[in-house]
Amino acid sequence: MEQLFPSLAKVIAGLEPDHRGRRAIIFAAWRRAAGEAIAAKAEPIDLANDRLVIEVKDDTWLSHLQALAPQMLAKINKLVGEGTVKRIDFKLGARN
């Protein structure tokens, strides 16, 4: 997958906004940009109108990730093409 990321911007540009492949690529880009520790606590659950929604496990991570949203957005767009994701929203997941 590592070698594929440089080509993803072209692939995504050719897909419809609601295409499952586009969604899968952007979700994978989130995991790559976030790294293992964050990805274990925050999972992409939706992509609508260029807005990525991430479900976060607890209040502490929610607060932390909201502060990091601009950096995370830049990292994702660096992987999938500038302007592909316009916003990241974080929401608290259901409590266990």
N, C-alpha and C. Protein backbone atom coordinates (compact mmCIF):
# COMPACT_ATOMS: atom_id res chain seq x y z
N MET A 1 0.82 -1.19 0.00
CA MET A 1 0.00 0.00 0.00
C MET A 1 0.86 1.26 0.00
N GLU A 2 2.02 1.18 0.63
CA GLU A 2 2.93 2.33 0.73
C GLU A 2 3.23 2.94 -0.63
N GLN A 3 3.49 2.11 -1.62
CA GLN A 3 3.83 2.61 -2.95
C GLN A 3 2.63 3.18 -3.70
N LEU A 4 1.43 2.84 -3.27
CA LEU A 4 0.23 3.30 -3.97
C LEU A 4 -0.16 4.74 -3.65
N PHE A 5 0.17 5.22 -2.47
CA PHE A 5 -0.30 6.54 -2.06
C PHE A 5 0.06 7.66 -3.04
N PRO A 6 1.23 7.69 -3.64
CA PRO A 6 1.51 8.78 -4.58
C PRO A 6 0.56 8.81 -5.79
N SER A 7 -0.02 7.70 -6.15
CA SER A 7 -0.92 7.63 -7.31
C SER A 7 -2.38 7.85 -6.96
N LEU A 8 -2.70 7.92 -5.69
CA LEU A 8 -4.10 7.97 -5.27
C LEU A 8 -4.82 9.24 -5.68
N ALA A 9 -4.15 10.36 -5.74
CA ALA A 9 -4.81 11.61 -6.12
C ALA A 9 -5.45 11.49 -7.49
N LYS A 10 -4.76 10.84 -8.43
CA LYS A 10 -5.31 10.67 -9.77
C LYS A 10 -6.50 9.71 -9.76
N VAL A 11 -6.39 8.66 -8.97
CA VAL A 11 -7.48 7.68 -8.88
C VAL A 11 -8.72 8.34 -8.28
N ILE A 12 -8.55 9.06 -7.18
CA ILE A 12 -9.68 9.70 -6.51
C ILE A 12 -10.33 10.75 -7.41
N ALA A 13 -9.53 11.49 -8.15
CA ALA A 13 -10.08 12.52 -9.04
C ALA A 13 -11.02 11.93 -10.08
N GLY A 14 -10.81 10.68 -10.43
CA GLY A 14 -11.66 10.04 -11.43
C GLY A 14 -12.89 9.36 -10.87
N LEU A 15 -13.05 9.37 -9.56
CA LEU A 15 -14.20 8.70 -8.94
C LEU A 15 -15.29 9.69 -8.56
N GLU A 16 -16.51 9.22 -8.61
CA GLU A 16 -17.64 10.03 -8.15
C GLU A 16 -17.52 10.28 -6.65
N PRO A 17 -18.05 11.40 -6.15
CA PRO A 17 -17.93 11.72 -4.72
C PRO A 17 -18.47 10.65 -3.78
N ASP A 18 -19.47 9.89 -4.21
CA ASP A 18 -20.07 8.89 -3.32
C ASP A 18 -19.59 7.46 -3.64
N HIS A 19 -18.55 7.33 -4.41
CA HIS A 19 -18.05 6.01 -4.81
C HIS A 19 -17.40 5.29 -3.62
N ARG A 20 -17.69 4.01 -3.47
CA ARG A 20 -17.14 3.21 -2.36
C ARG A 20 -15.61 3.17 -2.37
N GLY A 21 -15.04 3.14 -3.57
CA GLY A 21 -13.58 3.11 -3.67
C GLY A 21 -12.95 4.39 -3.13
N ARG A 22 -13.57 5.50 -3.42
CA ARG A 22 -13.09 6.80 -2.91
C ARG A 22 -13.10 6.79 -1.38
N ARG A 23 -14.19 6.31 -0.85
CA ARG A 23 -14.34 6.22 0.61
C ARG A 23 -13.26 5.32 1.22
N ALA A 24 -13.04 4.16 0.62
CA ALA A 24 -12.04 3.21 1.13
C ALA A 24 -10.63 3.82 1.09
N ILE A 25 -10.32 4.52 0.02
CA ILE A 25 -8.99 5.14 -0.11
C ILE A 25 -8.80 6.21 0.95
N ILE A 26 -9.80 7.03 1.17
CA ILE A 26 -9.69 8.11 2.15
C ILE A 26 -9.63 7.54 3.57
N PHE A 27 -10.38 6.49 3.84
CA PHE A 27 -10.30 5.83 5.15
C PHE A 27 -8.89 5.26 5.37
N ALA A 28 -8.31 4.67 4.34
CA ALA A 28 -6.94 4.15 4.44
C ALA A 28 -5.94 5.28 4.65
N ALA A 29 -6.18 6.40 3.99
CA ALA A 29 -5.30 7.56 4.17
C ALA A 29 -5.39 8.08 5.60
N TRP A 30 -6.57 8.05 6.19
CA TRP A 30 -6.70 8.46 7.59
C TRP A 30 -5.81 7.58 8.47
N ARG A 31 -5.92 6.27 8.29
CA ARG A 31 -5.14 5.36 9.12
C ARG A 31 -3.63 5.60 8.94
N ARG A 32 -3.23 5.86 7.73
CA ARG A 32 -1.81 6.12 7.44
C ARG A 32 -1.37 7.44 8.07
N ALA A 33 -2.17 8.47 7.90
CA ALA A 33 -1.83 9.79 8.43
C ALA A 33 -1.87 9.81 9.96
N ALA A 34 -2.80 9.08 10.53
CA ALA A 34 -2.98 9.08 11.99
C ALA A 34 -1.89 8.28 12.70
N GLY A 35 -1.46 7.20 12.10
CA GLY A 35 -0.51 6.32 12.76
C GLY A 35 -1.26 5.32 13.64
N GLU A 36 -0.55 4.31 14.10
CA GLU A 36 -1.18 3.21 14.84
C GLU A 36 -1.86 3.64 16.13
N ALA A 37 -1.19 4.47 16.91
CA ALA A 37 -1.74 4.85 18.22
C ALA A 37 -3.05 5.61 18.08
N ILE A 38 -3.11 6.58 17.19
CA ILE A 38 -4.34 7.35 17.00
C ILE A 38 -5.39 6.50 16.30
N ALA A 39 -5.00 5.75 15.29
CA ALA A 39 -5.97 4.92 14.56
C ALA A 39 -6.65 3.90 15.48
N ALA A 40 -5.97 3.48 16.54
CA ALA A 40 -6.57 2.55 17.49
C ALA A 40 -7.65 3.21 18.33
N LYS A 41 -7.61 4.52 18.43
CA LYS A 41 -8.57 5.26 19.25
C LYS A 41 -9.58 6.05 18.45
N ALA A 42 -9.36 6.17 17.14
CA ALA A 42 -10.21 7.01 16.31
C ALA A 42 -10.38 6.37 14.93
N GLU A 43 -11.61 6.07 14.58
CA GLU A 43 -11.89 5.30 13.36
C GLU A 43 -12.80 6.08 12.41
N PRO A 44 -12.45 6.11 11.12
CA PRO A 44 -13.34 6.78 10.16
C PRO A 44 -14.64 6.00 10.02
N ILE A 45 -15.75 6.74 10.04
CA ILE A 45 -17.06 6.08 9.93
C ILE A 45 -17.91 6.61 8.78
N ASP A 46 -17.56 7.78 8.24
CA ASP A 46 -18.38 8.34 7.18
C ASP A 46 -17.57 9.33 6.35
N LEU A 47 -17.96 9.46 5.10
CA LEU A 47 -17.41 10.45 4.20
C LEU A 47 -18.58 10.99 3.40
N ALA A 48 -18.89 12.26 3.58
CA ALA A 48 -20.01 12.87 2.87
C ALA A 48 -19.65 14.31 2.53
N ASN A 49 -19.86 14.67 1.27
CA ASN A 49 -19.59 16.04 0.83
C ASN A 49 -18.19 16.51 1.21
N ASP A 50 -17.21 15.67 0.97
CA ASP A 50 -15.80 15.97 1.25
C ASP A 50 -15.52 16.21 2.73
N ARG A 51 -16.40 15.70 3.59
CA ARG A 51 -16.25 15.82 5.04
C ARG A 51 -16.05 14.43 5.60
N LEU A 52 -14.92 14.22 6.27
CA LEU A 52 -14.58 12.94 6.87
C LEU A 52 -15.02 12.96 8.33
N VAL A 53 -15.77 11.94 8.73
CA VAL A 53 -16.24 11.84 10.11
C VAL A 53 -15.47 10.72 10.79
N ILE A 54 -14.88 11.06 11.93
CA ILE A 54 -14.08 10.13 12.70
C ILE A 54 -14.74 9.91 14.05
N GLU A 55 -14.96 8.64 14.40
CA GLU A 55 -15.50 8.29 15.71
C GLU A 55 -14.35 8.06 16.67
N VAL A 56 -14.41 8.74 17.80
CA VAL A 56 -13.33 8.71 18.79
C VAL A 56 -13.80 7.99 20.04
N LYS A 57 -12.89 7.22 20.65
CA LYS A 57 -13.25 6.35 21.77
C LYS A 57 -13.58 7.07 23.07
N ASP A 58 -12.93 8.22 23.35
CA ASP A 58 -13.20 8.87 24.63
C ASP A 58 -13.00 10.38 24.53
N ASP A 59 -13.43 11.09 25.58
CA ASP A 59 -13.37 12.55 25.61
C ASP A 59 -11.96 13.10 25.48
N THR A 60 -11.01 12.44 26.08
CA THR A 60 -9.62 12.92 26.04
C THR A 60 -9.10 12.91 24.60
N TRP A 61 -9.32 11.80 23.90
CA TRP A 61 -8.88 11.72 22.50
C TRP A 61 -9.67 12.68 21.62
N LEU A 62 -10.94 12.85 21.92
CA LEU A 62 -11.77 13.77 21.14
C LEU A 62 -11.18 15.18 21.21
N SER A 63 -10.90 15.64 22.40
CA SER A 63 -10.33 16.97 22.59
C SER A 63 -8.97 17.10 21.90
N HIS A 64 -8.14 16.10 22.07
CA HIS A 64 -6.81 16.10 21.46
C HIS A 64 -6.89 16.16 19.94
N LEU A 65 -7.75 15.33 19.36
CA LEU A 65 -7.84 15.27 17.90
C LEU A 65 -8.50 16.51 17.31
N GLN A 66 -9.44 17.10 18.01
CA GLN A 66 -10.04 18.34 17.52
C GLN A 66 -8.96 19.43 17.40
N ALA A 67 -8.04 19.45 18.35
CA ALA A 67 -6.93 20.41 18.29
C ALA A 67 -5.99 20.11 17.12
N LEU A 68 -5.86 18.83 16.78
CA LEU A 68 -4.96 18.42 15.70
C LEU A 68 -5.63 18.38 14.32
N ALA A 69 -6.90 18.71 14.25
CA ALA A 69 -7.65 18.59 12.99
C ALA A 69 -6.97 19.25 11.79
N PRO A 70 -6.46 20.48 11.91
CA PRO A 70 -5.82 21.07 10.73
C PRO A 70 -4.60 20.28 10.24
N GLN A 71 -3.80 19.79 11.18
CA GLN A 71 -2.63 18.99 10.78
C GLN A 71 -3.05 17.66 10.16
N MET A 72 -4.06 17.02 10.73
CA MET A 72 -4.53 15.75 10.20
C MET A 72 -5.12 15.94 8.80
N LEU A 73 -5.85 17.01 8.61
CA LEU A 73 -6.43 17.31 7.30
C LEU A 73 -5.31 17.50 6.27
N ALA A 74 -4.28 18.22 6.63
CA ALA A 74 -3.16 18.43 5.72
C ALA A 74 -2.47 17.11 5.37
N LYS A 75 -2.27 16.25 6.37
CA LYS A 75 -1.62 14.95 6.13
C LYS A 75 -2.44 14.09 5.18
N ILE A 76 -3.75 14.05 5.39
CA ILE A 76 -4.61 13.24 4.52
C ILE A 76 -4.57 13.77 3.10
N ASN A 77 -4.73 15.07 2.95
CA ASN A 77 -4.75 15.66 1.61
C ASN A 77 -3.40 15.54 0.92
N LYS A 78 -2.33 15.47 1.67
CA LYS A 78 -1.02 15.23 1.06
C LYS A 78 -0.98 13.83 0.43
N LEU A 79 -1.67 12.89 1.06
CA LEU A 79 -1.70 11.52 0.56
C LEU A 79 -2.66 11.34 -0.61
N VAL A 80 -3.82 12.01 -0.56
CA VAL A 80 -4.88 11.73 -1.55
C VAL A 80 -5.14 12.87 -2.53
N GLY A 81 -4.45 13.98 -2.36
CA GLY A 81 -4.63 15.11 -3.26
C GLY A 81 -5.23 16.30 -2.54
N GLU A 82 -4.62 17.44 -2.73
CA GLU A 82 -5.05 18.66 -2.06
C GLU A 82 -6.52 18.95 -2.35
N GLY A 83 -7.27 19.26 -1.30
CA GLY A 83 -8.67 19.61 -1.44
C GLY A 83 -9.63 18.43 -1.52
N THR A 84 -9.10 17.22 -1.47
CA THR A 84 -9.97 16.05 -1.54
C THR A 84 -10.88 15.98 -0.33
N VAL A 85 -10.31 16.17 0.85
CA VAL A 85 -11.09 16.23 2.09
C VAL A 85 -11.04 17.67 2.55
N LYS A 86 -12.20 18.27 2.73
CA LYS A 86 -12.25 19.68 3.10
C LYS A 86 -12.41 19.90 4.60
N ARG A 87 -12.87 18.87 5.29
CA ARG A 87 -13.11 19.03 6.72
C ARG A 87 -13.08 17.67 7.40
N ILE A 88 -12.60 17.65 8.64
CA ILE A 88 -12.67 16.45 9.47
C ILE A 88 -13.50 16.81 10.70
N ASP A 89 -14.51 16.00 10.95
CA ASP A 89 -15.32 16.16 12.15
C ASP A 89 -15.09 14.95 13.04
N PHE A 90 -14.93 15.19 14.32
CA PHE A 90 -14.73 14.12 15.28
C PHE A 90 -15.98 14.03 16.14
N LYS A 91 -16.42 12.80 16.40
CA LYS A 91 -17.57 12.60 17.28
C LYS A 91 -17.25 11.50 18.27
N LEU A 92 -17.81 11.62 19.43
CA LEU A 92 -17.60 10.65 20.47
C LEU A 92 -18.40 9.39 20.15
N GLY A 93 -17.73 8.25 20.23
CA GLY A 93 -18.38 6.98 19.94
C GLY A 93 -19.26 6.53 21.09
N ALA A 94 -20.04 5.52 20.82
CA ALA A 94 -20.91 4.95 21.86
C ALA A 94 -20.06 4.38 22.98
N ARG A 95 -20.48 4.61 24.17
CA ARG A 95 -19.75 4.10 25.34
C ARG A 95 -20.02 2.62 25.50
N ASN A 96 -19.00 1.88 25.89
CA ASN A 96 -19.14 0.43 26.11
C ASN A 96 -19.58 0.15 27.52
